[in-house]
PDB file of N, CA and C in Angstrom:
ATOM      1  N   MET A   1      23.410  12.399  35.489  1.00  0.00           N
ATOM      2  CA  MET A   1      22.180  11.937  34.524  1.00  0.00           C
ATOM      3  C   MET A   1      23.317  11.722  33.067  1.00  0.00           C
ATOM      4  N   GLU A   2      22.820  10.866  32.815  1.00  0.00           N
ATOM      5  CA  GLU A   2      23.333  10.587  31.506  1.00  0.00           C
ATOM      6  C   GLU A   2      22.991  11.112  30.422  1.00  0.00           C
ATOM      7  N   THR A   3      24.069  11.494  29.594  1.00  0.00           N
ATOM      8  CA  THR A   3      23.463  12.599  28.248  1.00  0.00           C
ATOM      9  C   THR A   3      22.922  11.592  26.919  1.00  0.00           C
ATOM     10  N   GLN A   4      22.378  12.132  26.574  1.00  0.00           N
ATOM     11  CA  GLN A   4      21.705  11.682  25.219  1.00  0.00           C
ATOM     12  C   GLN A   4      21.899  12.512  24.098  1.00  0.00           C
ATOM     13  N   ASP A   5      22.321  11.909  22.822  1.00  0.00           N
ATOM     14  CA  ASP A   5      21.986  12.535  21.679  1.00  0.00           C
ATOM     15  C   ASP A   5      20.514  12.733  20.948  1.00  0.00           C
ATOM     16  N   ARG A   6      19.848  13.642  21.437  1.00  0.00           N
ATOM     17  CA  ARG A   6      18.910  13.893  20.904  1.00  0.00           C
ATOM     18  C   ARG A   6      18.462  14.285  19.452  1.00  0.00           C
ATOM     19  N   LEU A   7      19.391  14.323  18.815  1.00  0.00           N
ATOM     20  CA  LEU A   7      19.268  15.008  17.434  1.00  0.00           C
ATOM     21  C   LEU A   7      19.148  13.423  16.368  1.00  0.00           C
ATOM     22  N   ILE A   8      19.380  12.286  16.977  1.00  0.00           N
ATOM     23  CA  ILE A   8      19.189  11.113  16.460  1.00  0.00           C
ATOM     24  C   ILE A   8      18.110  10.722  16.215  1.00  0.00           C
ATOM     25  N   ALA A   9      17.055  11.169  17.273  1.00  0.00           N
ATOM     26  CA  ALA A   9      15.557  11.116  17.389  1.00  0.00           C
ATOM     27  C   ALA A   9      14.920  11.651  16.446  1.00  0.00           C
ATOM     28  N   LEU A  10      15.427  12.757  15.945  1.00  0.00           N
ATOM     29  CA  LEU A  10      14.964  13.705  14.832  1.00  0.00           C
ATOM     30  C   LEU A  10      15.274  13.459  13.570  1.00  0.00           C
ATOM     31  N   ASN A  11      16.335  12.222  13.565  1.00  0.00           N
ATOM     32  CA  ASN A  11      16.596  12.239  12.095  1.00  0.00           C
ATOM     33  C   ASN A  11      15.786  10.964  11.867  1.00  0.00           C
ATOM     34  N   TYR A  12      14.975  10.162  12.798  1.00  0.00           N
ATOM     35  CA  TYR A  12      14.179   8.935  12.236  1.00  0.00           C
ATOM     36  C   TYR A  12      12.765   9.630  12.223  1.00  0.00           C
ATOM     37  N   ARG A  13      12.583   8.753  11.075  1.00  0.00           N
ATOM     38  CA  ARG A  13      10.824   9.056  10.602  1.00  0.00           C
ATOM     39  C   ARG A  13      10.043   7.811  10.715  1.00  0.00           C
ATOM     40  N   HIS A  14       9.245   8.073  11.981  1.00  0.00           N
ATOM     41  CA  HIS A  14       8.681   6.974  11.964  1.00  0.00           C
ATOM     42  C   HIS A  14       7.199   6.440  11.269  1.00  0.00           C
ATOM     43  N   PRO A  15       7.005   5.430  10.695  1.00  0.00           N
ATOM     44  CA  PRO A  15       5.641   5.207   9.749  1.00  0.00           C
ATOM     45  C   PRO A  15       4.857   5.556  10.706  1.00  0.00           C
ATOM     46  N   MET A  16       3.405   5.983  10.156  1.00  0.00           N
ATOM     47  CA  MET A  16       2.546   6.463  10.871  1.00  0.00           C
ATOM     48  C   MET A  16       1.539   5.402  10.891  1.00  0.00           C
ATOM     49  N   GLY A  17       0.474   5.483  11.602  1.00  0.00           N
ATOM     50  CA  GLY A  17      -0.550   4.412  11.580  1.00  0.00           C
ATOM     51  C   GLY A  17      -1.629   5.028  10.691  1.00  0.00           C
ATOM     52  N   ARG A  18      -1.647   6.384  10.292  1.00  0.00           N
ATOM     53  CA  ARG A  18      -2.657   6.891   9.378  1.00  0.00           C
ATOM     54  C   ARG A  18      -2.528   6.390   7.954  1.00  0.00           C
ATOM     55  N   ASN A  19      -0.870   6.282   7.611  1.00  0.00           N
ATOM     56  CA  ASN A  19      -0.636   5.766   6.366  1.00  0.00           C
ATOM     57  C   ASN A  19      -1.114   4.309   5.996  1.00  0.00           C
ATOM     58  N   VAL A  20      -0.851   3.508   6.984  1.00  0.00           N
ATOM     59  CA  VAL A  20      -1.267   2.160   7.020  1.00  0.00           C
ATOM     60  C   VAL A  20      -2.993   1.652   6.941  1.00  0.00           C
ATOM     61  N   VAL A  21      -3.520   2.533   7.580  1.00  0.00           N
ATOM     62  CA  VAL A  21      -4.937   2.363   7.682  1.00  0.00           C
ATOM     63  C   VAL A  21      -5.345   2.979   5.872  1.00  0.00           C
ATOM     64  N   LEU A  22      -4.591   4.371   5.542  1.00  0.00           N
ATOM     65  CA  LEU A  22      -5.420   4.226   4.229  1.00  0.00           C
ATOM     66  C   LEU A  22      -4.859   3.375   2.799  1.00  0.00           C
ATOM     67  N   LEU A  23      -3.554   2.846   3.200  1.00  0.00           N
ATOM     68  CA  LEU A  23      -3.435   1.749   2.517  1.00  0.00           C
ATOM     69  C   LEU A  23      -4.368   0.648   2.196  1.00  0.00           C
ATOM     70  N   GLY A  24      -5.337   0.529   3.429  1.00  0.00           N
ATOM     71  CA  GLY A  24      -6.169  -0.594   3.352  1.00  0.00           C
ATOM     72  C   GLY A  24      -7.164  -0.500   3.090  1.00  0.00           C
ATOM     73  N   PHE A  25      -7.480   1.037   3.167  1.00  0.00           N
ATOM     74  CA  PHE A  25      -8.723   1.664   2.352  1.00  0.00           C
ATOM     75  C   PHE A  25      -8.531   1.665   0.935  1.00  0.00           C
ATOM     76  N   PHE A  26      -7.578   2.022   0.652  1.00  0.00           N
ATOM     77  CA  PHE A  26      -7.030   2.108  -0.932  1.00  0.00           C
ATOM     78  C   PHE A  26      -7.268   0.962  -1.399  1.00  0.00           C
ATOM     79  N   THR A  27      -6.657  -0.246  -1.053  1.00  0.00           N
ATOM     80  CA  THR A  27      -6.522  -1.540  -1.529  1.00  0.00           C
ATOM     81  C   THR A  27      -8.084  -2.409  -1.503  1.00  0.00           C
ATOM     82  N   ARG A  28      -8.699  -1.841  -0.626  1.00  0.00           N
ATOM     83  CA  ARG A  28      -9.908  -2.366  -0.525  1.00  0.00           C
ATOM     84  C   ARG A  28     -10.971  -2.077  -1.581  1.00  0.00           C
ATOM     85  N   SER A  29     -10.698  -0.248  -1.829  1.00  0.00           N
ATOM     86  CA  SER A  29     -11.398   0.545  -2.758  1.00  0.00           C
ATOM     87  C   SER A  29     -11.137  -0.200  -4.030  1.00  0.00           C
ATOM     88  N   ALA A  30      -9.642  -0.614  -4.902  1.00  0.00           N
ATOM     89  CA  ALA A  30      -9.693  -1.085  -5.805  1.00  0.00           C
ATOM     90  C   ALA A  30     -10.348  -2.523  -5.877  1.00  0.00           C
ATOM     91  N   ILE A  31     -10.096  -3.245  -4.961  1.00  0.00           N
ATOM     92  CA  ILE A  31     -10.925  -4.512  -5.102  1.00  0.00           C
ATOM     93  C   ILE A  31     -12.343  -4.358  -5.419  1.00  0.00           C
ATOM     94  N   VAL A  32     -12.649  -3.635  -4.460  1.00  0.00           N
ATOM     95  CA  VAL A  32     -14.445  -2.965  -5.030  1.00  0.00           C
ATOM     96  C   VAL A  32     -14.808  -2.200  -6.503  1.00  0.00           C
ATOM     97  N   GLY A  33     -13.770  -1.350  -6.974  1.00  0.00           N
ATOM     98  CA  GLY A  33     -13.788  -1.562  -8.138  1.00  0.00           C
ATOM     99  C   GLY A  33     -13.451  -2.109  -9.454  1.00  0.00           C
ATOM    100  N   VAL A  34     -12.760  -3.543  -8.841  1.00  0.00           N
ATOM    101  CA  VAL A  34     -12.655  -4.088 -10.165  1.00  0.00           C
ATOM    102  C   VAL A  34     -13.877  -5.490  -9.905  1.00  0.00           C
ATOM    103  N   LEU A  35     -14.141  -5.332  -8.411  1.00  0.00           N
ATOM    104  CA  LEU A  35     -15.693  -6.088  -8.708  1.00  0.00           C
ATOM    105  C   LEU A  35     -16.726  -5.568  -9.572  1.00  0.00           C
ATOM    106  N   VAL A  36     -17.119  -4.127  -9.307  1.00  0.00           N
ATOM    107  CA  VAL A  36     -18.506  -3.718 -10.050  1.00  0.00           C
ATOM    108  C   VAL A  36     -17.910  -3.660 -11.521  1.00  0.00           C
ATOM    109  N   ALA A  37     -16.663  -3.361 -12.283  1.00  0.00           N
ATOM    110  CA  ALA A  37     -16.137  -3.756 -13.312  1.00  0.00           C
ATOM    111  C   ALA A  37     -16.472  -4.724 -13.756  1.00  0.00           C
ATOM    112  N   GLY A  38     -16.367  -6.110 -13.258  1.00  0.00           N
ATOM    113  CA  GLY A  38     -16.491  -7.429 -13.333  1.00  0.00           C
ATOM    114  C   GLY A  38     -18.191  -7.639 -13.581  1.00  0.00           C
ATOM    115  N   ALA A  39     -18.688  -7.073 -12.435  1.00  0.00           N
ATOM    116  CA  ALA A  39     -20.446  -7.425 -12.692  1.00  0.00           C
ATOM    117  C   ALA A  39     -20.664  -6.601 -13.918  1.00  0.00           C
ATOM    118  N   GLY A  40     -20.524  -5.472 -14.634  1.00  0.00           N
ATOM    119  CA  GLY A  40     -20.664  -5.035 -15.542  1.00  0.00           C
ATOM    120  C   GLY A  40     -19.879  -6.078 -16.978  1.00  0.00           C
ATOM    121  N   ILE A  41     -19.309  -6.628 -16.885  1.00  0.00           N
ATOM    122  CA  ILE A  41     -18.548  -7.486 -17.831  1.00  0.00           C
ATOM    123  C   ILE A  41     -19.416  -8.716 -17.894  1.00  0.00           C
ATOM    124  N   ALA A  42     -19.935  -9.069 -16.553  1.00  0.00           N
ATOM    125  CA  ALA A  42     -20.548 -10.464 -17.139  1.00  0.00           C
ATOM    126  C   ALA A  42     -22.073 -10.128 -17.206  1.00  0.00           C
ATOM    127  N   SER A  43     -22.460  -8.639 -16.714  1.00  0.00           N
ATOM    128  CA  SER A  43     -23.908  -8.621 -17.757  1.00  0.00           C
ATOM    129  C   SER A  43     -23.616  -8.416 -18.893  1.00  0.00           C
ATOM    130  N   LEU A  44     -22.657  -8.330 -19.415  1.00  0.00           N
ATOM    131  CA  LEU A  44     -22.645  -7.705 -20.689  1.00  0.00           C
ATOM    132  C   LEU A  44     -22.696  -9.304 -21.593  1.00  0.00           C
ATOM    133  N   ILE A  45     -22.043 -10.269 -20.909  1.00  0.00           N
ATOM    134  CA  ILE A  45     -22.040 -11.621 -21.366  1.00  0.00           C
ATOM    135  C   ILE A  45     -22.978 -12.447 -21.330  1.00  0.00           C
ATOM    136  N   ASP A  46     -23.990 -12.151 -20.019  1.00  0.00           N
ATOM    137  CA  ASP A  46     -25.286 -12.639 -20.122  1.00  0.00           C
ATOM    138  C   ASP A  46     -26.266 -11.348 -19.773  1.00  0.00           C
ATOM    139  N   PRO A  47     -26.802 -11.055 -21.369  1.00  0.00           N
ATOM    140  CA  PRO A  47     -27.661  -9.916 -21.188  1.00  0.00           C
ATOM    141  C   PRO A  47     -28.887 -10.439 -20.523  1.00  0.00           C
ATOM    142  N   LEU A  48     -29.214 -11.561 -20.179  1.00  0.00           N
ATOM    143  CA  LEU A  48     -31.196 -11.807 -20.069  1.00  0.00           C
ATOM    144  C   LEU A  48     -30.862 -11.551 -18.478  1.00  0.00           C
ATOM    145  N   ARG A  49     -30.198 -12.110 -17.852  1.00  0.00           N
ATOM    146  CA  ARG A  49     -29.958 -12.108 -15.959  1.00  0.00           C
ATOM    147  C   ARG A  49     -29.103 -10.598 -15.928  1.00  0.00           C
ATOM    148  N   GLY A  50     -28.495  -9.869 -16.437  1.00  0.00           N
ATOM    149  CA  GLY A  50     -27.619  -8.953 -16.250  1.00  0.00           C
ATOM    150  C   GLY A  50     -28.694  -7.590 -16.008  1.00  0.00           C
ATOM    151  N   MET A  51     -27.895  -6.694 -15.805  1.00  0.00           N
ATOM    152  CA  MET A  51     -28.602  -5.002 -16.234  1.00  0.00           C
ATOM    153  C   MET A  51     -28.578  -4.770 -17.683  1.00  0.00           C
ATOM    154  N   GLN A  52     -29.323  -3.366 -17.778  1.00  0.00           N
ATOM    155  CA  GLN A  52     -28.922  -2.977 -19.339  1.00  0.00           C
ATOM    156  C   GLN A  52     -27.795  -2.555 -19.874  1.00  0.00           C
ATOM    157  N   TYR A  53     -27.636  -2.402 -21.177  1.00  0.00           N
ATOM    158  CA  TYR A  53     -26.374  -2.524 -21.944  1.00  0.00           C
ATOM    159  C   TYR A  53     -25.665  -1.255 -21.632  1.00  0.00           C
ATOM    160  N   LEU A  54     -26.379  -0.081 -21.373  1.00  0.00           N
ATOM    161  CA  LEU A  54     -25.627   1.066 -21.031  1.00  0.00           C
ATOM    162  C   LEU A  54     -25.090   1.212 -19.359  1.00  0.00           C
ATOM    163  N   MET A  55     -26.083   0.778 -18.573  1.00  0.00           N
ATOM    164  CA  MET A  55     -26.009   0.506 -17.236  1.00  0.00           C
ATOM    165  C   MET A  55     -24.213  -0.414 -17.185  1.00  0.00           C
ATOM    166  N   ALA A  56     -24.502  -1.481 -17.810  1.00  0.00           N
ATOM    167  CA  ALA A  56     -23.143  -2.047 -17.982  1.00  0.00           C
ATOM    168  C   ALA A  56     -22.071  -1.575 -18.309  1.00  0.00           C
ATOM    169  N   LEU A  57     -22.133  -0.776 -19.312  1.00  0.00           N
ATOM    170  CA  LEU A  57     -20.735   0.151 -19.820  1.00  0.00           C
ATOM    171  C   LEU A  57     -20.570   0.946 -18.895  1.00  0.00           C
ATOM    172  N   ALA A  58     -21.563   1.601 -18.038  1.00  0.00           N
ATOM    173  CA  ALA A  58     -21.000   2.740 -16.861  1.00  0.00           C
ATOM    174  C   ALA A  58     -20.205   2.089 -15.920  1.00  0.00           C
ATOM    175  N   SER A  59     -20.756   1.009 -15.472  1.00  0.00           N
ATOM    176  CA  SER A  59     -20.397   0.152 -14.288  1.00  0.00           C
ATOM    177  C   SER A  59     -18.953  -0.113 -14.597  1.00  0.00           C
ATOM    178  N   ILE A  60     -18.428  -0.580 -16.164  1.00  0.00           N
ATOM    179  CA  ILE A  60     -17.438  -1.104 -16.370  1.00  0.00           C
ATOM    180  C   ILE A  60     -16.444   0.142 -16.233  1.00  0.00           C
ATOM    181  N   VAL A  61     -17.056   1.387 -17.022  1.00  0.00           N
ATOM    182  CA  VAL A  61     -16.217   2.838 -16.480  1.00  0.00           C
ATOM    183  C   VAL A  61     -15.994   3.020 -15.350  1.00  0.00           C
ATOM    184  N   VAL A  62     -16.656   3.223 -14.584  1.00  0.00           N
ATOM    185  CA  VAL A  62     -16.602   3.720 -13.225  1.00  0.00           C
ATOM    186  C   VAL A  62     -15.831   2.866 -12.464  1.00  0.00           C
ATOM    187  N   GLY A  63     -16.031   1.778 -12.520  1.00  0.00           N
ATOM    188  CA  GLY A  63     -15.699   0.199 -11.770  1.00  0.00           C
ATOM    189  C   GLY A  63     -14.333   0.391 -12.161  1.00  0.00           C
ATOM    190  N   GLY A  64     -13.797   0.456 -13.289  1.00  0.00           N
ATOM    191  CA  GLY A  64     -12.199   0.528 -13.728  1.00  0.00           C
ATOM    192  C   GLY A  64     -11.607   1.681 -13.175  1.00  0.00           C
ATOM    193  N   THR A  65     -12.284   2.829 -13.296  1.00  0.00           N
ATOM    194  CA  THR A  65     -11.841   4.193 -12.898  1.00  0.00           C
ATOM    195  C   THR A  65     -11.613   4.390 -11.429  1.00  0.00           C
ATOM    196  N   VAL A  66     -12.232   4.031 -10.721  1.00  0.00           N
ATOM    197  CA  VAL A  66     -12.089   3.441  -9.036  1.00  0.00           C
ATOM    198  C   VAL A  66     -11.023   2.659  -8.654  1.00  0.00           C
ATOM    199  N   ALA A  67     -11.253   1.278  -9.486  1.00  0.00           N
ATOM    200  CA  ALA A  67      -9.959   0.712  -9.288  1.00  0.00           C
ATOM    201  C   ALA A  67      -8.719   1.408  -9.722  1.00  0.00           C
ATOM    202  N   TRP A  68      -8.891   1.953 -10.580  1.00  0.00           N
ATOM    203  CA  TRP A  68      -7.185   2.352 -11.245  1.00  0.00           C
ATOM    204  C   TRP A  68      -6.921   3.440 -10.354  1.00  0.00           C
ATOM    205  N   LEU A  69      -7.324   4.428  -9.786  1.00  0.00           N
ATOM    206  CA  LEU A  69      -7.469   5.728  -9.014  1.00  0.00           C
ATOM    207  C   LEU A  69      -6.778   5.035  -7.365  1.00  0.00           C
ATOM    208  N   ALA A  70      -7.680   4.117  -7.240  1.00  0.00           N
ATOM    209  CA  ALA A  70      -7.610   3.779  -6.051  1.00  0.00           C
ATOM    210  C   ALA A  70      -5.895   2.834  -5.977  1.00  0.00           C
ATOM    211  N   TRP A  71      -5.847   2.438  -6.967  1.00  0.00           N
ATOM    212  CA  TRP A  71      -4.541   1.448  -6.994  1.00  0.00           C
ATOM    213  C   TRP A  71      -3.387   2.311  -6.890  1.00  0.00           C
ATOM    214  N   GLN A  72      -3.540   3.636  -7.810  1.00  0.00           N
ATOM    215  CA  GLN A  72      -2.473   4.482  -7.805  1.00  0.00           C
ATOM    216  C   GLN A  72      -2.033   5.012  -6.455  1.00  0.00           C
ATOM    217  N   ARG A  73      -3.156   5.568  -5.771  1.00  0.00           N
ATOM    218  CA  ARG A  73      -2.957   5.759  -4.506  1.00  0.00           C
ATOM    219  C   ARG A  73      -2.468   4.726  -3.665  1.00  0.00           C
ATOM    220  N   ALA A  74      -2.705   3.642  -3.584  1.00  0.00           N
ATOM    221  CA  ALA A  74      -1.995   2.514  -2.739  1.00  0.00           C
ATOM    222  C   ALA A  74      -0.798   2.295  -3.131  1.00  0.00           C
ATOM    223  N   VAL A  75      -0.417   2.711  -4.302  1.00  0.00           N
ATOM    224  CA  VAL A  75       1.363   2.728  -4.643  1.00  0.00           C
ATOM    225  C   VAL A  75       1.855   3.433  -4.035  1.00  0.00           C
ATOM    226  N   ALA A  76       1.083   4.855  -4.280  1.00  0.00           N
ATOM    227  CA  ALA A  76       1.933   6.024  -3.543  1.00  0.00           C
ATOM    228  C   ALA A  76       1.789   5.915  -2.016  1.00  0.00           C
ATOM    229  N   LEU A  77       0.903   5.388  -1.469  1.00  0.00           N
ATOM    230  CA  LEU A  77       1.041   5.357   0.265  1.00  0.00           C
ATOM    231  C   LEU A  77       2.294   4.148   0.253  1.00  0.00           C
ATOM    232  N   CYS A  78       2.573   3.110  -0.462  1.00  0.00           N
ATOM    233  CA  CYS A  78       3.532   2.068  -0.219  1.00  0.00           C
ATOM    234  C   CYS A  78       4.962   2.905  -0.197  1.00  0.00           C
ATOM    235  N   ASP A  79       5.222   3.697  -1.234  1.00  0.00           N
ATOM    236  CA  ASP A  79       5.948   4.276  -1.309  1.00  0.00           C
ATOM    237  C   ASP A  79       6.286   5.526   0.119  1.00  0.00           C
ATOM    238  N   ARG A  80       5.322   6.168   0.246  1.00  0.00           N
ATOM    239  CA  ARG A  80       5.336   6.564   1.541  1.00  0.00           C
ATOM    240  C   ARG A  80       5.883   6.035   2.410  1.00  0.00           C
ATOM    241  N   ILE A  81       5.187   4.880   2.898  1.00  0.00           N
ATOM    242  CA  ILE A  81       5.660   3.790   4.227  1.00  0.00           C
ATOM    243  C   ILE A  81       6.965   3.404   3.821  1.00  0.00           C
ATOM    244  N   ASP A  82       7.623   3.557   2.746  1.00  0.00           N
ATOM    245  CA  ASP A  82       9.180   2.701   2.453  1.00  0.00           C
ATOM    246  C   ASP A  82      10.137   3.834   2.974  1.00  0.00           C
ATOM    247  N   GLU A  83       9.604   4.862   2.446  1.00  0.00           N
ATOM    248  CA  GLU A  83      10.566   6.055   2.760  1.00  0.00           C
ATOM    249  C   GLU A  83      10.560   6.215   4.199  1.00  0.00           C
ATOM    250  N   ASP A  84       9.615   5.788   5.246  1.00  0.00           N
ATOM    251  CA  ASP A  84       9.574   5.856   6.570  1.00  0.00           C
ATOM    252  C   ASP A  84      10.689   5.040   7.466  1.00  0.00           C
ATOM    253  N   THR A  85      11.610   4.499   6.923  1.00  0.00           N
ATOM    254  CA  THR A  85      12.678   3.527   7.232  1.00  0.00           C
ATOM    255  C   THR A  85      13.567   4.556   8.171  1.00  0.00           C
ATOM    256  N   PRO A  86      14.504   4.265   8.704  1.00  0.00           N
ATOM    257  CA  PRO A  86      15.839   4.932   9.769  1.00  0.00           C
ATOM    258  C   PRO A  86      16.447   5.604   8.361  1.00  0.00           C
ATOM    259  N   ILE A  87      17.114   6.646   8.543  1.00  0.00           N
ATOM    260  CA  ILE A  87      17.911   7.517   7.485  1.00  0.00           C
ATOM    261  C   ILE A  87      19.441   7.022   7.743  1.00  0.00           C
ATOM    262  N   LEU A  88      20.512   7.420   7.004  1.00  0.00           N
ATOM    263  CA  LEU A  88      21.488   6.950   7.139  1.00  0.00           C
ATOM    264  C   LEU A  88      22.315   7.052   8.424  1.00  0.00           C
ATOM    265  N   SER A  89      22.177   8.371   9.330  1.00  0.00           N
ATOM    266  CA  SER A  89      22.504   8.899  10.331  1.00  0.00           C
ATOM    267  C   SER A  89      22.054   7.767  11.464  1.00  0.00           C
ATOM    268  N   ASP A  90      21.145   7.231  11.320  1.00  0.00           N
ATOM    269  CA  ASP A  90      20.502   6.198  12.666  1.00  0.00           C
ATOM    270  C   ASP A  90      21.244   4.663  12.283  1.00  0.00           C
ATOM    271  N   ARG A  91      21.690   4.680  10.792  1.00  0.00           N
ATOM    272  CA  ARG A  91      22.316   3.556  10.424  1.00  0.00           C
ATOM    273  C   ARG A  91      23.668   3.195  10.925  1.00  0.00           C
ATOM    274  N   LYS A  92      24.483   4.268  10.837  1.00  0.00           N
ATOM    275  CA  LYS A  92      25.762   4.230  11.223  1.00  0.00           C
ATOM    276  C   LYS A  92      25.866   3.777  12.927  1.00  0.00           C
ATOM    277  N   HIS A  93      25.103   4.044  13.706  1.00  0.00           N
ATOM    278  CA  HIS A  93      25.186   3.180  15.114  1.00  0.00           C
ATOM    279  C   HIS A  93      25.161   1.724  15.649  1.00  0.00           C
ATOM    280  N   VAL A  94      24.616   1.299  14.234  1.00  0.00           N
ATOM    281  CA  VAL A  94      24.362  -0.089  14.213  1.00  0.00           C
ATOM    282  C   VAL A  94      25.478  -1.063  14.277  1.00  0.00           C
ATOM    283  N   SER A  95      25.831  -1.932  14.921  1.00  0.00           N
ATOM    284  CA  SER A  95      26.744  -2.635  14.960  1.00  0.00           C
ATOM    285  C   SER A  95      27.071  -3.606  13.473  1.00  0.00           C
ATOM    286  N   PRO A  96      27.968  -3.476  12.988  1.00  0.00           N
ATOM    287  CA  PRO A  96      28.177  -4.341  11.716  1.00  0.00           C
ATOM    288  C   PRO A  96      28.167  -6.189  12.127  1.00  0.00           C
ATOM    289  N   ALA A  97      27.290  -6.636  11.342  1.00  0.00           N
ATOM    290  CA  ALA A  97      27.081  -8.073  11.652  1.00  0.00           C
ATOM    291  C   ALA A  97      28.451  -9.068  11.458  1.00  0.00           C
ATOM    292  N   ARG A  98      28.767  -9.815  12.647  1.00  0.00           N
ATOM    293  CA  ARG A  98      29.523 -10.692  12.293  1.00  0.00           C
ATOM    294  C   ARG A  98      29.503 -11.949  11.670  1.00  0.00           C
ATOM    295  N   PRO A  99      30.665 -12.243  11.015  1.00  0.00           N
ATOM    296  CA  PRO A  99      30.544 -13.524  10.638  1.00  0.00           C
ATOM    297  C   PRO A  99      30.206 -14.813  11.099  1.00  0.00           C
ATOM    298  N   VAL A 100      29.406 -15.784  10.750  1.00  0.00           N
ATOM    299  CA  VAL A 100      29.036 -16.623  11.643  1.00  0.00           C
ATOM    300  C   VAL A 100      29.979 -18.064  11.595  1.00  0.00           C
ATOM    301  N   THR A 101      30.606 -17.961  13.011  1.00  0.00           N
ATOM    302  CA  THR A 101      31.843 -19.214  13.142  1.00  0.00           C
ATOM    303  C   THR A 101      30.845 -19.879  13.905  1.00  0.00           C
ATOM    304  N   ARG A 102      31.403 -21.536  13.535  1.00  0.00           N
ATOM    305  CA  ARG A 102      30.851 -22.677  14.302  1.00  0.00           C
ATOM    306  C   ARG A 102      31.864 -23.151  15.645  1.00  0.00           C
ATOM    307  N   ALA A 103      31.045 -23.297  16.801  1.00  0.00           N
ATOM    308  CA  ALA A 103      31.774 -23.895  17.681  1.00  0.00           C
ATOM    309  C   ALA A 103      32.352 -25.283  17.621  1.00  0.00           C
ATOM    310  N   PRO A 104      33.737 -25.557  17.804  1.00  0.00           N
ATOM    311  CA  PRO A 104      34.446 -26.605  17.737  1.00  0.00           C
ATOM    312  C   PRO A 104      33.609 -27.445  18.271  1.00  0.00           C
ATOM    313  N   ALA A 105      33.577 -28.840  17.798  1.00  0.00           N
ATOM    314  CA  ALA A 105      32.869 -30.148  18.228  1.00  0.00           C
ATOM    315  C   ALA A 105      33.242 -30.729  19.121  1.00  0.00           C
TER     316      ALA A 105
END
């Protein structure tokens, strides 16, 4: 039976699917927050068709807060996903790239 170094697999942190799903959720939440804040701004510009003044200010504050918090979480998850790349002990087993040479014509 062929012997394998099982410690190499332990040094690799595989990106988890959960992080990618959460990244999509927080990105969409940031977009929804921006849209809510935009609706509040639009109702301040055209008050006849929009909502009341305090409701518009509340939607701007709440939408902006949700967008900012969701964006911060999305950036943190992106950083966490970037850290899930193979670490140095795995990279040393990869053969270095050879320079490309042209075949004679």
